[in-house]
Amino acid sequence: IITSQPDPEANPVETSTPAPTSTLAPSPTATPPPFSMLTGQVLASKPVTINLYNPDDTIAVSMPANTDGTFAFTVTAGDEYKVVALAGGHLSAQAFVTTASGNTTTLPTFTLPAGDIDSNTVIDQFDALTIGMSYNSAAPSEADLNNDGIINVLDLEILAQNYRKTGPVVWE
């Protein structure tokens, strides 16, 4: 019986496995939803917070406005949003906005009416009473309507200009 052994000096035989070929179609790339920008400016003597509500009235985003009152949001286009501006000692303002894809929607510059110290959506005698009871002090900070560090007649004059206004104010 003759058996052969592999020659160690011989070149080894290379075997290669062909690269697998895919028979599946490439997966489609998910199309991102269309976006747009929502911008605006809200003026108040106190820091302003902007709340953005989804169509189902759940809050989507809440963020402070810049020190000059400006803000900018990237939102999904086509949905209707409720935008609410808030500041301590002021009535809130709200707007309803539907944005278009790729566009920037800019809400008009709006000044929040000062004087709603107790946040009950009306500027009334209870707000004036708070100023009277806190006269020549710094607290509560919501009663310092001009934000000068002291509650005095200047704050009462601001409240008088907005007396009996109710909120939320329509932001147009």
N, C-alpha and C. Protein backbone atom coordinates (compact mmCIF):
# COMPACT_ATOMS: atom_id res chain seq x y z
N ILE A 1 0.86 -1.15 0.00
CA ILE A 1 0.00 0.00 0.00
C ILE A 1 0.91 1.21 0.00
N ILE A 2 0.61 2.08 -0.87
CA ILE A 2 1.40 3.29 -0.98
C ILE A 2 0.51 4.45 -0.53
N THR A 3 0.97 5.21 0.40
CA THR A 3 0.24 6.40 0.83
C THR A 3 1.09 7.61 0.54
N SER A 4 0.50 8.66 0.19
CA SER A 4 1.26 9.88 -0.08
C SER A 4 0.96 10.86 1.02
N GLN A 5 1.97 11.54 1.36
CA GLN A 5 1.82 12.58 2.36
C GLN A 5 2.00 13.92 1.67
N PRO A 6 1.33 14.93 2.14
CA PRO A 6 1.48 16.24 1.49
C PRO A 6 2.89 16.73 1.63
N ASP A 7 3.36 17.31 0.57
CA ASP A 7 4.70 17.88 0.56
C ASP A 7 4.65 19.21 1.30
N PRO A 8 5.39 19.36 2.40
CA PRO A 8 5.35 20.62 3.13
C PRO A 8 5.91 21.78 2.33
N GLU A 9 6.68 21.53 1.32
CA GLU A 9 7.27 22.58 0.50
C GLU A 9 6.31 23.04 -0.59
N ALA A 10 5.30 22.27 -0.82
CA ALA A 10 4.37 22.61 -1.91
C ALA A 10 3.48 23.77 -1.45
N ASN A 11 3.05 24.52 -2.43
CA ASN A 11 2.14 25.63 -2.12
C ASN A 11 0.80 25.06 -1.70
N PRO A 12 0.29 25.61 -0.61
CA PRO A 12 -1.02 25.11 -0.20
C PRO A 12 -2.10 25.55 -1.19
N VAL A 13 -3.09 24.78 -1.28
CA VAL A 13 -4.20 25.07 -2.17
C VAL A 13 -5.10 26.08 -1.46
N GLU A 14 -5.36 27.15 -2.15
CA GLU A 14 -6.22 28.16 -1.55
C GLU A 14 -7.65 27.87 -1.92
N THR A 15 -8.44 27.89 -0.94
CA THR A 15 -9.86 27.78 -1.19
C THR A 15 -10.49 29.06 -0.70
N SER A 16 -11.37 29.56 -1.45
CA SER A 16 -12.04 30.78 -1.03
C SER A 16 -13.53 30.58 -1.13
N THR A 17 -14.19 31.22 -0.24
CA THR A 17 -15.63 31.17 -0.24
C THR A 17 -16.11 32.43 -0.94
N PRO A 18 -16.94 32.27 -1.94
CA PRO A 18 -17.41 33.48 -2.62
C PRO A 18 -18.20 34.38 -1.65
N ALA A 19 -18.11 35.67 -1.87
CA ALA A 19 -18.82 36.62 -1.04
C ALA A 19 -20.31 36.36 -1.17
N PRO A 20 -21.00 36.40 -0.06
CA PRO A 20 -22.44 36.15 -0.15
C PRO A 20 -23.12 37.26 -0.94
N THR A 21 -24.06 36.85 -1.70
CA THR A 21 -24.83 37.83 -2.45
C THR A 21 -26.18 37.97 -1.77
N SER A 22 -26.64 39.19 -1.69
CA SER A 22 -27.90 39.45 -1.02
C SER A 22 -29.02 39.44 -2.04
N THR A 23 -30.04 38.75 -1.67
CA THR A 23 -31.21 38.76 -2.54
C THR A 23 -32.27 39.71 -1.99
N LEU A 24 -31.96 40.35 -0.83
CA LEU A 24 -32.91 41.29 -0.25
C LEU A 24 -32.73 42.66 -0.87
N ALA A 25 -33.81 43.36 -1.04
CA ALA A 25 -33.73 44.73 -1.55
C ALA A 25 -33.16 45.61 -0.45
N PRO A 26 -32.41 46.63 -0.81
CA PRO A 26 -31.87 47.51 0.22
C PRO A 26 -33.02 48.16 0.99
N SER A 27 -32.79 48.33 2.31
CA SER A 27 -33.87 48.90 3.12
C SER A 27 -34.02 50.38 2.78
N PRO A 28 -35.25 50.84 2.68
CA PRO A 28 -35.45 52.25 2.33
C PRO A 28 -35.00 53.15 3.48
N THR A 29 -34.49 54.30 3.15
CA THR A 29 -34.08 55.25 4.16
C THR A 29 -35.33 55.95 4.67
N ALA A 30 -35.46 55.99 5.97
CA ALA A 30 -36.64 56.63 6.55
C ALA A 30 -36.62 58.12 6.21
N THR A 31 -37.73 58.61 5.75
CA THR A 31 -37.82 60.01 5.41
C THR A 31 -38.07 60.80 6.68
N PRO A 32 -37.18 61.74 6.99
CA PRO A 32 -37.41 62.51 8.22
C PRO A 32 -38.65 63.39 8.06
N PRO A 33 -39.32 63.64 9.17
CA PRO A 33 -40.50 64.51 9.06
C PRO A 33 -40.08 65.92 8.66
N PRO A 34 -40.94 66.63 7.95
CA PRO A 34 -40.60 67.99 7.54
C PRO A 34 -40.61 68.91 8.76
N PHE A 35 -39.67 69.82 8.80
CA PHE A 35 -39.55 70.74 9.92
C PHE A 35 -39.71 72.17 9.47
N SER A 36 -40.01 73.02 10.43
CA SER A 36 -40.06 74.46 10.19
C SER A 36 -39.61 75.15 11.47
N MET A 37 -39.45 76.46 11.39
CA MET A 37 -39.02 77.24 12.55
C MET A 37 -40.19 78.09 13.04
N LEU A 38 -40.23 78.28 14.34
CA LEU A 38 -41.19 79.16 14.98
C LEU A 38 -40.39 80.14 15.82
N THR A 39 -40.54 81.43 15.53
CA THR A 39 -39.76 82.44 16.23
C THR A 39 -40.68 83.56 16.71
N GLY A 40 -40.15 84.41 17.57
CA GLY A 40 -40.91 85.56 18.03
C GLY A 40 -40.16 86.29 19.12
N GLN A 41 -40.83 87.29 19.70
CA GLN A 41 -40.26 88.07 20.79
C GLN A 41 -41.39 88.48 21.73
N VAL A 42 -41.15 88.26 23.04
CA VAL A 42 -42.11 88.63 24.07
C VAL A 42 -41.39 89.54 25.05
N LEU A 43 -42.00 90.70 25.30
CA LEU A 43 -41.40 91.68 26.20
C LEU A 43 -42.12 91.67 27.55
N ALA A 44 -41.34 91.76 28.61
CA ALA A 44 -41.86 91.84 29.97
C ALA A 44 -40.72 92.33 30.85
N SER A 45 -41.06 92.84 32.03
CA SER A 45 -40.01 93.31 32.94
C SER A 45 -39.36 92.15 33.69
N LYS A 46 -39.90 90.98 33.57
CA LYS A 46 -39.39 89.76 34.21
C LYS A 46 -38.97 88.76 33.14
N PRO A 47 -38.18 87.75 33.52
CA PRO A 47 -37.82 86.70 32.55
C PRO A 47 -39.07 86.01 32.00
N VAL A 48 -39.04 85.72 30.72
CA VAL A 48 -40.18 85.13 30.02
C VAL A 48 -39.89 83.66 29.74
N THR A 49 -40.89 82.82 29.93
CA THR A 49 -40.82 81.41 29.56
C THR A 49 -41.81 81.17 28.43
N ILE A 50 -41.40 80.41 27.44
CA ILE A 50 -42.27 80.06 26.31
C ILE A 50 -42.58 78.57 26.41
N ASN A 51 -43.86 78.25 26.44
CA ASN A 51 -44.31 76.86 26.43
C ASN A 51 -44.96 76.57 25.08
N LEU A 52 -44.59 75.45 24.52
CA LEU A 52 -45.14 75.02 23.24
C LEU A 52 -45.91 73.73 23.49
N TYR A 53 -47.20 73.73 23.14
CA TYR A 53 -48.07 72.58 23.38
C TYR A 53 -48.38 71.86 22.07
N ASN A 54 -48.36 70.52 22.12
CA ASN A 54 -48.73 69.68 20.98
C ASN A 54 -50.23 69.81 20.71
N PRO A 55 -50.67 69.27 19.55
CA PRO A 55 -52.11 69.31 19.25
C PRO A 55 -52.98 68.62 20.31
N ASP A 56 -52.43 67.63 21.02
CA ASP A 56 -53.21 66.95 22.07
C ASP A 56 -53.12 67.67 23.42
N ASP A 57 -52.59 68.90 23.43
CA ASP A 57 -52.47 69.77 24.60
C ASP A 57 -51.45 69.28 25.62
N THR A 58 -50.54 68.38 25.21
CA THR A 58 -49.42 68.03 26.07
C THR A 58 -48.28 68.98 25.74
N ILE A 59 -47.46 69.25 26.73
CA ILE A 59 -46.38 70.20 26.51
C ILE A 59 -45.28 69.55 25.68
N ALA A 60 -44.88 70.23 24.63
CA ALA A 60 -43.81 69.72 23.77
C ALA A 60 -42.47 70.27 24.22
N VAL A 61 -42.42 71.56 24.49
CA VAL A 61 -41.17 72.21 24.89
C VAL A 61 -41.51 73.37 25.82
N SER A 62 -40.66 73.57 26.81
CA SER A 62 -40.74 74.74 27.67
C SER A 62 -39.33 75.27 27.79
N MET A 63 -39.15 76.53 27.44
CA MET A 63 -37.80 77.09 27.53
C MET A 63 -37.86 78.58 27.82
N PRO A 64 -36.82 79.08 28.50
CA PRO A 64 -36.80 80.52 28.73
C PRO A 64 -36.47 81.26 27.43
N ALA A 65 -37.08 82.41 27.26
CA ALA A 65 -36.73 83.26 26.13
C ALA A 65 -35.36 83.88 26.42
N ASN A 66 -34.71 84.36 25.39
CA ASN A 66 -33.45 85.07 25.58
C ASN A 66 -33.71 86.33 26.40
N THR A 67 -32.65 86.96 26.90
CA THR A 67 -32.83 88.16 27.74
C THR A 67 -33.56 89.28 27.02
N ASP A 68 -33.48 89.31 25.70
CA ASP A 68 -34.21 90.33 24.93
C ASP A 68 -35.62 89.87 24.55
N GLY A 69 -36.04 88.69 25.05
CA GLY A 69 -37.38 88.18 24.81
C GLY A 69 -37.53 87.34 23.55
N THR A 70 -36.47 87.20 22.77
CA THR A 70 -36.58 86.43 21.53
C THR A 70 -36.52 84.93 21.83
N PHE A 71 -37.09 84.16 20.93
CA PHE A 71 -37.06 82.71 21.05
C PHE A 71 -37.14 82.10 19.65
N ALA A 72 -36.71 80.84 19.55
CA ALA A 72 -36.79 80.10 18.28
C ALA A 72 -36.92 78.62 18.60
N PHE A 73 -37.86 77.97 17.94
CA PHE A 73 -38.09 76.54 18.08
C PHE A 73 -38.04 75.90 16.70
N THR A 74 -37.53 74.68 16.63
CA THR A 74 -37.68 73.85 15.45
C THR A 74 -38.85 72.92 15.75
N VAL A 75 -39.84 72.93 14.88
CA VAL A 75 -41.06 72.15 15.11
C VAL A 75 -41.38 71.30 13.89
N THR A 76 -42.17 70.27 14.11
CA THR A 76 -42.65 69.45 13.01
C THR A 76 -43.68 70.26 12.24
N ALA A 77 -43.49 70.35 10.95
CA ALA A 77 -44.38 71.15 10.11
C ALA A 77 -45.75 70.50 9.99
N GLY A 78 -46.75 71.35 9.83
CA GLY A 78 -48.10 70.87 9.58
C GLY A 78 -48.95 70.69 10.82
N ASP A 79 -48.34 70.61 12.00
CA ASP A 79 -49.12 70.46 13.22
C ASP A 79 -49.52 71.83 13.75
N GLU A 80 -50.66 71.88 14.44
CA GLU A 80 -51.06 73.13 15.09
C GLU A 80 -50.52 73.11 16.51
N TYR A 81 -49.85 74.17 16.89
CA TYR A 81 -49.28 74.29 18.23
C TYR A 81 -49.92 75.45 18.96
N LYS A 82 -50.04 75.29 20.28
CA LYS A 82 -50.42 76.41 21.13
C LYS A 82 -49.13 76.93 21.74
N VAL A 83 -48.89 78.22 21.60
CA VAL A 83 -47.70 78.86 22.15
C VAL A 83 -48.16 79.75 23.28
N VAL A 84 -47.56 79.57 24.47
CA VAL A 84 -47.94 80.35 25.64
C VAL A 84 -46.70 81.03 26.19
N ALA A 85 -46.81 82.35 26.43
CA ALA A 85 -45.72 83.13 27.02
C ALA A 85 -46.11 83.48 28.45
N LEU A 86 -45.17 83.26 29.39
CA LEU A 86 -45.42 83.48 30.81
C LEU A 86 -44.30 84.31 31.42
N ALA A 87 -44.63 85.16 32.38
CA ALA A 87 -43.64 85.89 33.17
C ALA A 87 -44.27 86.20 34.52
N GLY A 88 -43.51 86.11 35.59
CA GLY A 88 -44.03 86.39 36.92
C GLY A 88 -44.62 87.78 37.01
N GLY A 89 -45.81 87.90 37.62
CA GLY A 89 -46.45 89.19 37.79
C GLY A 89 -47.12 89.74 36.54
N HIS A 90 -47.22 88.94 35.48
CA HIS A 90 -47.80 89.37 34.21
C HIS A 90 -48.91 88.40 33.79
N LEU A 91 -49.85 88.90 33.01
CA LEU A 91 -50.81 88.00 32.38
C LEU A 91 -50.09 87.20 31.31
N SER A 92 -50.51 85.98 31.08
CA SER A 92 -49.92 85.17 30.02
C SER A 92 -50.54 85.55 28.68
N ALA A 93 -49.88 85.16 27.62
CA ALA A 93 -50.40 85.37 26.26
C ALA A 93 -50.34 84.03 25.54
N GLN A 94 -51.27 83.82 24.63
CA GLN A 94 -51.25 82.57 23.86
C GLN A 94 -51.63 82.81 22.41
N ALA A 95 -51.05 81.97 21.57
CA ALA A 95 -51.32 82.01 20.13
C ALA A 95 -51.43 80.57 19.64
N PHE A 96 -52.16 80.38 18.55
CA PHE A 96 -52.24 79.08 17.89
C PHE A 96 -51.59 79.23 16.53
N VAL A 97 -50.66 78.31 16.23
CA VAL A 97 -49.86 78.43 15.02
C VAL A 97 -49.78 77.09 14.31
N THR A 98 -49.97 77.10 12.99
CA THR A 98 -49.70 75.94 12.15
C THR A 98 -48.56 76.34 11.22
N THR A 99 -47.50 75.55 11.23
CA THR A 99 -46.32 75.90 10.44
C THR A 99 -46.28 75.09 9.14
N ALA A 100 -45.61 75.65 8.15
CA ALA A 100 -45.45 74.99 6.85
C ALA A 100 -44.03 74.47 6.72
N SER A 101 -43.86 73.37 6.04
CA SER A 101 -42.57 72.71 5.90
C SER A 101 -41.52 73.65 5.30
N GLY A 102 -40.39 73.73 5.99
CA GLY A 102 -39.26 74.51 5.51
C GLY A 102 -39.39 76.01 5.70
N ASN A 103 -40.51 76.46 6.23
CA ASN A 103 -40.73 77.89 6.42
C ASN A 103 -40.46 78.31 7.86
N THR A 104 -40.25 79.59 8.04
CA THR A 104 -40.14 80.17 9.38
C THR A 104 -41.41 80.97 9.63
N THR A 105 -42.07 80.65 10.72
CA THR A 105 -43.25 81.40 11.15
C THR A 105 -42.81 82.29 12.29
N THR A 106 -43.03 83.59 12.14
CA THR A 106 -42.63 84.54 13.18
C THR A 106 -43.87 85.17 13.78
N LEU A 107 -44.02 84.94 15.08
CA LEU A 107 -45.12 85.58 15.80
C LEU A 107 -44.77 87.05 16.02
N PRO A 108 -45.77 87.93 16.06
CA PRO A 108 -45.47 89.35 16.25
C PRO A 108 -44.90 89.61 17.65
N THR A 109 -44.10 90.66 17.75
CA THR A 109 -43.57 91.06 19.05
C THR A 109 -44.76 91.43 19.95
N PHE A 110 -44.71 90.95 21.17
CA PHE A 110 -45.84 91.12 22.08
C PHE A 110 -45.33 91.53 23.45
N THR A 111 -46.02 92.46 24.10
CA THR A 111 -45.69 92.87 25.47
C THR A 111 -46.74 92.30 26.42
N LEU A 112 -46.28 91.53 27.39
CA LEU A 112 -47.20 90.96 28.38
C LEU A 112 -47.68 92.05 29.33
N PRO A 113 -48.98 92.12 29.61
CA PRO A 113 -49.49 93.12 30.56
C PRO A 113 -49.05 92.79 31.99
N ALA A 114 -48.44 93.76 32.66
CA ALA A 114 -47.95 93.56 34.02
C ALA A 114 -49.06 93.84 35.02
N GLY A 115 -49.05 93.10 36.14
CA GLY A 115 -49.99 93.36 37.22
C GLY A 115 -50.66 92.15 37.82
N ASP A 116 -50.58 90.99 37.19
CA ASP A 116 -51.23 89.79 37.73
C ASP A 116 -50.29 89.14 38.75
N ILE A 117 -50.20 89.75 39.90
CA ILE A 117 -49.23 89.33 40.92
C ILE A 117 -49.59 87.97 41.51
N ASP A 118 -50.88 87.69 41.69
CA ASP A 118 -51.30 86.43 42.30
C ASP A 118 -51.59 85.32 41.29
N SER A 119 -51.32 85.57 40.02
CA SER A 119 -51.46 84.57 38.94
C SER A 119 -52.86 83.98 38.83
N ASN A 120 -53.89 84.80 39.04
CA ASN A 120 -55.25 84.31 38.92
C ASN A 120 -55.90 84.74 37.60
N THR A 121 -55.12 85.18 36.64
CA THR A 121 -55.51 85.57 35.28
C THR A 121 -56.35 86.84 35.21
N VAL A 122 -56.31 87.65 36.25
CA VAL A 122 -56.98 88.95 36.21
C VAL A 122 -56.16 89.93 37.04
N ILE A 123 -56.06 91.16 36.56
CA ILE A 123 -55.37 92.21 37.32
C ILE A 123 -56.45 92.96 38.07
N ASP A 124 -56.45 92.80 39.40
CA ASP A 124 -57.57 93.30 40.20
C ASP A 124 -57.11 93.88 41.53
N GLN A 125 -58.08 94.12 42.43
CA GLN A 125 -57.79 94.74 43.72
C GLN A 125 -56.88 93.89 44.58
N PHE A 126 -56.88 92.57 44.40
CA PHE A 126 -56.01 91.72 45.20
C PHE A 126 -54.54 91.93 44.82
N ASP A 127 -54.29 92.20 43.55
CA ASP A 127 -52.92 92.51 43.11
C ASP A 127 -52.49 93.86 43.67
N ALA A 128 -53.41 94.84 43.63
CA ALA A 128 -53.11 96.17 44.20
C ALA A 128 -52.87 96.06 45.70
N LEU A 129 -53.64 95.25 46.38
CA LEU A 129 -53.48 95.04 47.82
C LEU A 129 -52.10 94.46 48.13
N THR A 130 -51.64 93.55 47.30
CA THR A 130 -50.31 92.96 47.51
C THR A 130 -49.23 94.03 47.41
N ILE A 131 -49.37 94.92 46.45
CA ILE A 131 -48.40 96.03 46.34
C ILE A 131 -48.47 96.89 47.61
N GLY A 132 -49.68 97.21 48.05
CA GLY A 132 -49.83 98.03 49.26
C GLY A 132 -49.22 97.38 50.49
N MET A 133 -49.45 96.08 50.65
CA MET A 133 -48.92 95.36 51.82
C MET A 133 -47.41 95.16 51.75
N SER A 134 -46.86 95.22 50.55
CA SER A 134 -45.42 94.98 50.37
C SER A 134 -44.65 96.26 50.08
N TYR A 135 -45.28 97.39 50.27
CA TYR A 135 -44.70 98.68 49.91
C TYR A 135 -43.33 98.88 50.57
N ASN A 136 -42.38 99.37 49.81
CA ASN A 136 -40.99 99.63 50.23
C ASN A 136 -40.21 98.38 50.59
N SER A 137 -40.62 97.24 50.08
CA SER A 137 -39.85 96.01 50.26
C SER A 137 -39.54 95.44 48.88
N ALA A 138 -38.87 94.31 48.86
CA ALA A 138 -38.52 93.68 47.59
C ALA A 138 -39.30 92.39 47.34
N ALA A 139 -40.07 91.96 48.34
CA ALA A 139 -40.79 90.70 48.21
C ALA A 139 -42.27 90.94 48.37
N PRO A 140 -43.11 90.22 47.67
CA PRO A 140 -42.77 89.18 46.68
C PRO A 140 -42.27 89.81 45.38
N SER A 141 -41.34 89.13 44.73
CA SER A 141 -40.72 89.68 43.52
C SER A 141 -41.74 89.92 42.41
N GLU A 142 -42.83 89.17 42.39
CA GLU A 142 -43.86 89.36 41.36
C GLU A 142 -44.51 90.73 41.47
N ALA A 143 -44.52 91.33 42.68
CA ALA A 143 -45.13 92.65 42.88
C ALA A 143 -44.22 93.78 42.44
N ASP A 144 -42.96 93.50 42.24
CA ASP A 144 -42.02 94.51 41.73
C ASP A 144 -42.15 94.53 40.21
N LEU A 145 -43.20 95.15 39.73
CA LEU A 145 -43.58 95.05 38.32
C LEU A 145 -42.57 95.66 37.36
N ASN A 146 -41.84 96.68 37.80
CA ASN A 146 -40.82 97.27 36.91
C ASN A 146 -39.44 96.68 37.16
N ASN A 147 -39.35 95.73 38.08
CA ASN A 147 -38.12 94.98 38.34
C ASN A 147 -36.95 95.88 38.75
N ASP A 148 -37.25 96.91 39.55
CA ASP A 148 -36.17 97.81 40.00
C ASP A 148 -35.67 97.50 41.41
N GLY A 149 -36.18 96.42 41.99
CA GLY A 149 -35.70 95.97 43.29
C GLY A 149 -36.50 96.47 44.48
N ILE A 150 -37.52 97.29 44.26
CA ILE A 150 -38.34 97.78 45.36
C ILE A 150 -39.79 97.94 44.88
N ILE A 151 -40.71 97.59 45.76
CA ILE A 151 -42.13 97.71 45.45
C ILE A 151 -42.59 99.09 45.93
N ASN A 152 -43.08 99.89 44.99
CA ASN A 152 -43.47 101.26 45.35
C ASN A 152 -44.54 101.78 44.39
N VAL A 153 -44.73 103.10 44.39
CA VAL A 153 -45.77 103.73 43.58
C VAL A 153 -45.57 103.49 42.09
N LEU A 154 -44.34 103.30 41.65
CA LEU A 154 -44.09 103.02 40.23
C LEU A 154 -44.73 101.70 39.80
N ASP A 155 -44.69 100.74 40.68
CA ASP A 155 -45.32 99.45 40.39
C ASP A 155 -46.84 99.59 40.40
N LEU A 156 -47.35 100.39 41.33
CA LEU A 156 -48.78 100.63 41.39
C LEU A 156 -49.28 101.33 40.13
N GLU A 157 -48.50 102.25 39.58
CA GLU A 157 -48.87 102.93 38.34
C GLU A 157 -48.96 101.95 37.17
N ILE A 158 -48.02 101.00 37.11
CA ILE A 158 -48.05 99.98 36.05
C ILE A 158 -49.31 99.13 36.19
N LEU A 159 -49.59 98.73 37.42
CA LEU A 159 -50.80 97.92 37.65
C LEU A 159 -52.04 98.71 37.22
N ALA A 160 -52.10 100.00 37.54
CA ALA A 160 -53.26 100.83 37.20
C ALA A 160 -53.48 100.90 35.69
N GLN A 161 -52.42 100.90 34.92
CA GLN A 161 -52.56 100.94 33.45
C GLN A 161 -53.24 99.69 32.91
N ASN A 162 -53.07 98.57 33.60
CA ASN A 162 -53.61 97.29 33.12
C ASN A 162 -54.78 96.78 33.96
N TYR A 163 -55.28 97.61 34.85
CA TYR A 163 -56.32 97.20 35.78
C TYR A 163 -57.53 96.62 35.04
N ARG A 164 -58.01 95.51 35.53
CA ARG A 164 -59.17 94.77 35.02
C ARG A 164 -58.90 93.98 33.74
N LYS A 165 -57.68 93.97 33.24
CA LYS A 165 -57.37 93.10 32.11
C LYS A 165 -57.37 91.66 32.58
N THR A 166 -57.77 90.77 31.68
CA THR A 166 -57.80 89.35 32.01
C THR A 166 -56.96 88.57 30.99
N GLY A 167 -56.58 87.38 31.39
CA GLY A 167 -55.76 86.56 30.52
C GLY A 167 -56.32 85.15 30.42
N PRO A 168 -55.74 84.33 29.62
CA PRO A 168 -54.58 84.69 28.80
C PRO A 168 -54.98 85.65 27.67
N VAL A 169 -54.06 86.53 27.36
CA VAL A 169 -54.28 87.52 26.32
C VAL A 169 -54.02 86.87 24.97
N VAL A 170 -54.82 87.22 23.98
CA VAL A 170 -54.62 86.67 22.63
C VAL A 170 -53.40 87.35 22.02
N TRP A 171 -52.47 86.53 21.59
CA TRP A 171 -51.21 87.00 21.01
C TRP A 171 -51.39 87.10 19.51
N GLU A 172 -51.56 88.33 19.02
CA GLU A 172 -51.79 88.54 17.58
C GLU A 172 -50.79 89.53 17.04
